[in-house]
Each structure stands twice: as structure tokens, then as C-alpha cells.
Amino acid sequence: MFVTRPTLAHHTLTREELLWRSGDVFAAIAAGTLNIRVGATYPLAHAARAHTDLESRRTTGSIVLLP
């Protein structure tokens, strides 16, 4: 037995619907009605460290890799 988590693909049938839904999300972020918590940022060169920190639960919130 296994349990999976639905992804965005389970909720959008067409590209147009994906663009519509993502547009709503980005509009809410821009308007300040949806707050995104970034727990940590890492340079792209340290992506392996970011994964290690995720796996060891040293992070909270989203992690952003910077180019």
C-alpha cells in the first residue's frame, strides 16, 4: 500500500486552466492577500546543502535557490 499527494496536474485539465489558476495565485501574492514564507535561500551552487537541510528538517517554510 502507498499514499501519494495530489499535484497541480490533478487539479487542472488544460493549459488554459493552469494559466488561469496560476494567474489567480500570482495576483493574490502581488496584492498581498497571500503571504509566502521563505524559510531559507541558497545559492544554486549550494543546492546539495539545501537538500541536506530539507532532509534533516533544519528548515521551515519554502526554500528558494538563487541563480
Protein backbone atom coordinates (compact mmCIF):
# COMPACT_ATOMS: atom_id res chain seq x y z
CA MET A 1 0.00 0.00 0.00
CA PHE A 2 1.15 3.56 -0.61
CA VAL A 3 -0.22 7.06 -0.24
CA THR A 4 0.51 9.86 -2.65
CA ARG A 5 -0.12 13.55 -2.52
CA PRO A 6 -2.02 15.13 -5.42
CA THR A 7 -0.08 17.54 -7.59
CA LEU A 8 -1.22 20.52 -9.60
CA ALA A 9 -1.73 18.21 -12.59
CA HIS A 10 -4.56 16.51 -10.69
CA HIS A 11 -6.47 19.80 -10.49
CA THR A 12 -6.01 21.26 -13.98
CA LEU A 13 -7.21 19.65 -17.18
CA THR A 14 -5.92 22.10 -19.77
CA ARG A 15 -3.10 24.60 -20.18
CA GLU A 16 -5.67 27.40 -20.20
CA GLU A 17 -6.95 26.29 -16.79
CA LEU A 18 -3.40 26.10 -15.46
CA LEU A 19 -2.69 29.65 -16.64
CA TRP A 20 -5.96 30.89 -15.15
CA ARG A 21 -5.37 29.29 -11.75
CA SER A 22 -1.70 30.29 -11.54
CA GLY A 23 -2.65 33.82 -12.59
CA ASP A 24 -5.03 33.99 -9.63
CA VAL A 25 -2.30 32.80 -7.26
CA PHE A 26 0.27 35.31 -8.53
CA ALA A 27 -2.33 38.10 -8.40
CA ALA A 28 -3.05 37.27 -4.75
CA ILE A 29 0.67 37.35 -3.95
CA ALA A 30 1.06 40.71 -5.72
CA ALA A 31 -1.98 42.12 -3.87
CA GLY A 32 -0.60 40.97 -0.53
CA THR A 33 -3.61 38.75 0.25
CA LEU A 34 -1.48 35.60 0.03
CA ASN A 35 1.72 35.65 2.03
CA ILE A 36 4.58 33.34 1.13
CA ARG A 37 7.01 32.45 3.90
CA VAL A 38 10.53 31.84 2.65
CA GLY A 39 12.42 29.91 5.30
CA ALA A 40 15.81 29.95 3.63
CA THR A 41 17.64 30.94 0.47
CA TYR A 42 20.65 29.17 -1.01
CA PRO A 43 22.86 29.94 -3.97
CA LEU A 44 22.22 27.43 -6.75
CA ALA A 45 25.76 26.15 -6.24
CA HIS A 46 24.66 25.01 -2.75
CA ALA A 47 21.61 23.05 -3.91
CA ALA A 48 23.02 19.86 -2.36
CA ARG A 49 23.20 21.64 1.01
CA ALA A 50 19.59 22.79 0.60
CA HIS A 51 18.51 19.18 0.03
CA THR A 52 20.51 18.01 3.04
CA ASP A 53 18.91 20.68 5.22
CA LEU A 54 15.44 19.68 3.98
CA GLU A 55 16.07 16.01 4.65
CA SER A 56 17.35 16.70 8.15
CA ARG A 57 14.43 19.07 8.91
CA ARG A 58 16.65 22.09 9.51
CA THR A 59 14.30 24.32 7.53
CA THR A 60 10.77 25.66 7.76
CA GLY A 61 8.71 27.30 5.04
CA SER A 62 9.80 27.40 1.42
CA ILE A 63 13.38 27.14 0.25
CA VAL A 64 14.50 29.27 -2.68
CA LEU A 65 17.54 28.53 -4.83
CA LEU A 66 19.08 31.72 -6.20
CA PRO A 67 20.91 31.79 -9.55
